[in-house]
Structures are given as structure tokens and as C-alpha cells.
Amino acid sequence: MYLPKSNPGSQSGSKSAFGFSNSPGKTSTSVPLSRSVLVGSDTLPSFSTAHGLLSPETVMRMERNSILRHRSDAVNYFLDTYKSHGPLACLAMLSDPDVLPELTEAMREIS
């Protein structure tokens, strides 16, 4: 059985695995944090948003584009399912020959 080397932060006692005291009245403020959680600012870095086939912006653009021309039943079903059940409910519809071209056209317009 492997036992880690004993150091002050990993000694057993009344502390839990996260360094908090098991006693109701006592708390531990000496929980060491890794450098990955210590940052110089309190804001998240900015990343460009990914616009995939099922991203909200792509689907909204597809909906706007399809208003201008006759919308197929498959596209109507896709949009209704997306709105009521979310993007993962639409995965099987990505292979539909009416839905996929509409989505890819909308996605190209965003790029």
C-alpha cells in the first residue's frame, strides 16, 4: 500500500481531505491553493467565441435566414426542438439533408 510522505498539509487529524475542520465550530484558513487558481486579476481572459453548428448564434441566424424563404418541415422541427429541448436534442438532425445545409450556410455567414 502506498502512503504519501508526511508533511504539515497532509497530516490526518480533524481535517477533511480539503483542509477544512470536521468540528462544527472550527474552520481552517490555512488551505494551500495551487498556483493555477491564483491569478493577478479577478476577470476571466477573453477568448473568441466558438460558433459551431449548434451554437445559439448559428441557429438564430439560420432561423432569420429561413424566414426569408420557405422553411421546410425538417427545419421547422429542428428549430422547435432546439428551442424546447436544447442543442443536444438536435444532434440526430444534423444528418438531415434539409437541416445541415441551412446550418452550414448560417455558420459561414458568422465567420
C-alpha atoms as a PDB file:
ATOM      1  CA  MET A   1       0.000   0.000   0.000  1.00  0.00           C
ATOM      2  CA  TYR A   2       1.293   3.450  -0.930  1.00  0.00           C
ATOM      3  CA  LEU A   3       1.366   6.101   1.768  1.00  0.00           C
ATOM      4  CA  PRO A   4       2.319   9.655   0.844  1.00  0.00           C
ATOM      5  CA  LYS A   5       5.176  11.303   2.674  1.00  0.00           C
ATOM      6  CA  SER A   6       4.075  13.093   5.780  1.00  0.00           C
ATOM      7  CA  ASN A   7       4.066  16.872   5.555  1.00  0.00           C
ATOM      8  CA  PRO A   8       2.163  19.504   7.531  1.00  0.00           C
ATOM      9  CA  GLY A   9      -0.536  19.873   4.859  1.00  0.00           C
ATOM     10  CA  SER A  10      -1.339  16.166   4.612  1.00  0.00           C
ATOM     11  CA  GLN A  11      -1.419  15.020   8.226  1.00  0.00           C
ATOM     12  CA  SER A  12      -4.502  13.206   9.349  1.00  0.00           C
ATOM     13  CA  GLY A  13      -6.466  14.544  12.241  1.00  0.00           C
ATOM     14  CA  SER A  14      -9.651  16.503  12.438  1.00  0.00           C
ATOM     15  CA  LYS A  15      -9.294  17.991   8.963  1.00  0.00           C
ATOM     16  CA  SER A  16     -11.051  16.661   5.880  1.00  0.00           C
ATOM     17  CA  ALA A  17      -9.361  15.988   2.551  1.00  0.00           C
ATOM     18  CA  PHE A  18      -9.807  19.638   1.577  1.00  0.00           C
ATOM     19  CA  GLY A  19      -8.239  21.021   4.735  1.00  0.00           C
ATOM     20  CA  PHE A  20     -11.467  22.017   6.440  1.00  0.00           C
ATOM     21  CA  SER A  21     -12.046  21.123  10.043  1.00  0.00           C
ATOM     22  CA  ASN A  22     -14.586  18.412  10.825  1.00  0.00           C
ATOM     23  CA  SER A  23     -15.528  20.223  14.024  1.00  0.00           C
ATOM     24  CA  PRO A  24     -18.678  22.368  13.675  1.00  0.00           C
ATOM     25  CA  GLY A  25     -17.257  25.422  15.415  1.00  0.00           C
ATOM     26  CA  LYS A  26     -13.782  25.426  13.897  1.00  0.00           C
ATOM     27  CA  THR A  27     -12.683  26.386  10.409  1.00  0.00           C
ATOM     28  CA  SER A  28      -9.284  26.253   8.818  1.00  0.00           C
ATOM     29  CA  THR A  29      -7.996  29.254   6.921  1.00  0.00           C
ATOM     30  CA  SER A  30      -4.646  27.735   6.017  1.00  0.00           C
ATOM     31  CA  VAL A  31      -5.805  25.795   2.972  1.00  0.00           C
ATOM     32  CA  PRO A  32      -2.939  25.927   0.464  1.00  0.00           C
ATOM     33  CA  LEU A  33      -4.025  26.807  -3.067  1.00  0.00           C
ATOM     34  CA  SER A  34      -2.189  25.694  -6.159  1.00  0.00           C
ATOM     35  CA  ARG A  35      -0.678  28.332  -8.400  1.00  0.00           C
ATOM     36  CA  SER A  36      -3.262  27.521 -11.075  1.00  0.00           C
ATOM     37  CA  VAL A  37      -6.031  29.122  -9.032  1.00  0.00           C
ATOM     38  CA  LEU A  38      -4.023  32.161  -8.011  1.00  0.00           C
ATOM     39  CA  VAL A  39      -4.319  34.922 -10.598  1.00  0.00           C
ATOM     40  CA  GLY A  40      -3.376  38.568 -10.660  1.00  0.00           C
ATOM     41  CA  SER A  41      -6.826  39.780 -11.688  1.00  0.00           C
ATOM     42  CA  ASP A  42     -10.408  38.917 -10.927  1.00  0.00           C
ATOM     43  CA  THR A  43     -11.602  38.801 -14.537  1.00  0.00           C
ATOM     44  CA  LEU A  44     -11.548  35.929 -16.971  1.00  0.00           C
ATOM     45  CA  PRO A  45      -9.349  36.183 -20.042  1.00  0.00           C
ATOM     46  CA  SER A  46     -11.195  36.942 -23.240  1.00  0.00           C
ATOM     47  CA  PHE A  47     -11.427  34.214 -25.843  1.00  0.00           C
ATOM     48  CA  SER A  48     -13.160  34.392 -29.163  1.00  0.00           C
ATOM     49  CA  THR A  49     -16.453  32.539 -29.037  1.00  0.00           C
ATOM     50  CA  ALA A  50     -16.710  29.325 -30.973  1.00  0.00           C
ATOM     51  CA  HIS A  51     -19.557  29.268 -33.455  1.00  0.00           C
ATOM     52  CA  GLY A  52     -20.294  25.630 -34.158  1.00  0.00           C
ATOM     53  CA  LEU A  53     -23.259  24.127 -35.936  1.00  0.00           C
ATOM     54  CA  LEU A  54     -25.369  24.059 -32.773  1.00  0.00           C
ATOM     55  CA  SER A  55     -24.271  27.335 -31.211  1.00  0.00           C
ATOM     56  CA  PRO A  56     -27.140  29.700 -30.374  1.00  0.00           C
ATOM     57  CA  GLU A  57     -25.876  32.372 -32.761  1.00  0.00           C
ATOM     58  CA  THR A  58     -25.723  29.931 -35.675  1.00  0.00           C
ATOM     59  CA  VAL A  59     -29.230  28.644 -35.021  1.00  0.00           C
ATOM     60  CA  MET A  60     -30.643  32.177 -34.620  1.00  0.00           C
ATOM     61  CA  ARG A  61     -29.026  33.183 -37.915  1.00  0.00           C
ATOM     62  CA  MET A  62     -30.422  30.064 -39.586  1.00  0.00           C
ATOM     63  CA  GLU A  63     -33.866  30.976 -38.292  1.00  0.00           C
ATOM     64  CA  ARG A  64     -33.569  34.548 -39.604  1.00  0.00           C
ATOM     65  CA  ASN A  65     -32.342  33.348 -42.998  1.00  0.00           C
ATOM     66  CA  SER A  66     -35.079  30.783 -43.359  1.00  0.00           C
ATOM     67  CA  ILE A  67     -37.812  33.362 -42.675  1.00  0.00           C
ATOM     68  CA  LEU A  68     -36.918  34.988 -45.984  1.00  0.00           C
ATOM     69  CA  ARG A  69     -37.606  31.791 -47.941  1.00  0.00           C
ATOM     70  CA  HIS A  70     -39.924  28.842 -47.482  1.00  0.00           C
ATOM     71  CA  ARG A  71     -38.847  26.811 -44.461  1.00  0.00           C
ATOM     72  CA  SER A  72     -39.017  23.020 -44.799  1.00  0.00           C
ATOM     73  CA  ASP A  73     -40.813  20.860 -42.241  1.00  0.00           C
ATOM     74  CA  ALA A  74     -37.451  19.415 -41.154  1.00  0.00           C
ATOM     75  CA  VAL A  75     -36.060  22.894 -40.434  1.00  0.00           C
ATOM     76  CA  ASN A  76     -39.230  23.833 -38.533  1.00  0.00           C
ATOM     77  CA  TYR A  77     -38.943  20.666 -36.454  1.00  0.00           C
ATOM     78  CA  PHE A  78     -35.248  21.343 -35.824  1.00  0.00           C
ATOM     79  CA  LEU A  79     -35.927  24.908 -34.642  1.00  0.00           C
ATOM     80  CA  ASP A  80     -38.835  23.848 -32.419  1.00  0.00           C
ATOM     81  CA  THR A  81     -36.752  21.056 -30.871  1.00  0.00           C
ATOM     82  CA  TYR A  82     -33.775  23.370 -30.345  1.00  0.00           C
ATOM     83  CA  LYS A  83     -35.940  25.946 -28.553  1.00  0.00           C
ATOM     84  CA  SER A  84     -37.795  23.487 -26.373  1.00  0.00           C
ATOM     85  CA  HIS A  85     -35.151  20.823 -25.620  1.00  0.00           C
ATOM     86  CA  GLY A  86     -31.774  22.418 -26.361  1.00  0.00           C
ATOM     87  CA  PRO A  87     -28.932  21.713 -28.772  1.00  0.00           C
ATOM     88  CA  LEU A  88     -28.150  18.157 -27.688  1.00  0.00           C
ATOM     89  CA  ALA A  89     -31.664  17.056 -28.631  1.00  0.00           C
ATOM     90  CA  CYS A  90     -30.851  18.116 -32.205  1.00  0.00           C
ATOM     91  CA  LEU A  91     -27.734  16.001 -32.748  1.00  0.00           C
ATOM     92  CA  ALA A  92     -29.548  13.335 -34.746  1.00  0.00           C
ATOM     93  CA  MET A  93     -30.971  16.009 -37.061  1.00  0.00           C
ATOM     94  CA  LEU A  94     -27.521  17.133 -38.216  1.00  0.00           C
ATOM     95  CA  SER A  95     -27.580  14.421 -40.869  1.00  0.00           C
ATOM     96  CA  ASP A  96     -30.881  15.671 -42.329  1.00  0.00           C
ATOM     97  CA  PRO A  97     -30.372  16.862 -45.931  1.00  0.00           C
ATOM     98  CA  ASP A  98     -32.610  19.897 -45.328  1.00  0.00           C
ATOM     99  CA  VAL A  99     -31.175  20.974 -41.973  1.00  0.00           C
ATOM    100  CA  LEU A 100     -27.425  20.601 -42.472  1.00  0.00           C
ATOM    101  CA  PRO A 101     -27.100  22.936 -45.488  1.00  0.00           C
ATOM    102  CA  GLU A 102     -29.096  25.618 -43.664  1.00  0.00           C
ATOM    103  CA  LEU A 103     -26.863  25.355 -40.592  1.00  0.00           C
ATOM    104  CA  THR A 104     -23.608  25.387 -42.552  1.00  0.00           C
ATOM    105  CA  GLU A 105     -24.740  28.424 -44.539  1.00  0.00           C
ATOM    106  CA  ALA A 106     -25.570  30.273 -41.313  1.00  0.00           C
ATOM    107  CA  MET A 107     -22.253  29.268 -39.774  1.00  0.00           C
ATOM    108  CA  ARG A 108     -20.309  30.545 -42.800  1.00  0.00           C
ATOM    109  CA  GLU A 109     -22.015  33.934 -42.521  1.00  0.00           C
ATOM    110  CA  ILE A 110     -20.783  34.317 -38.948  1.00  0.00           C
ATOM    111  CA  SER A 111     -17.118  33.648 -39.770  1.00  0.00           C
END
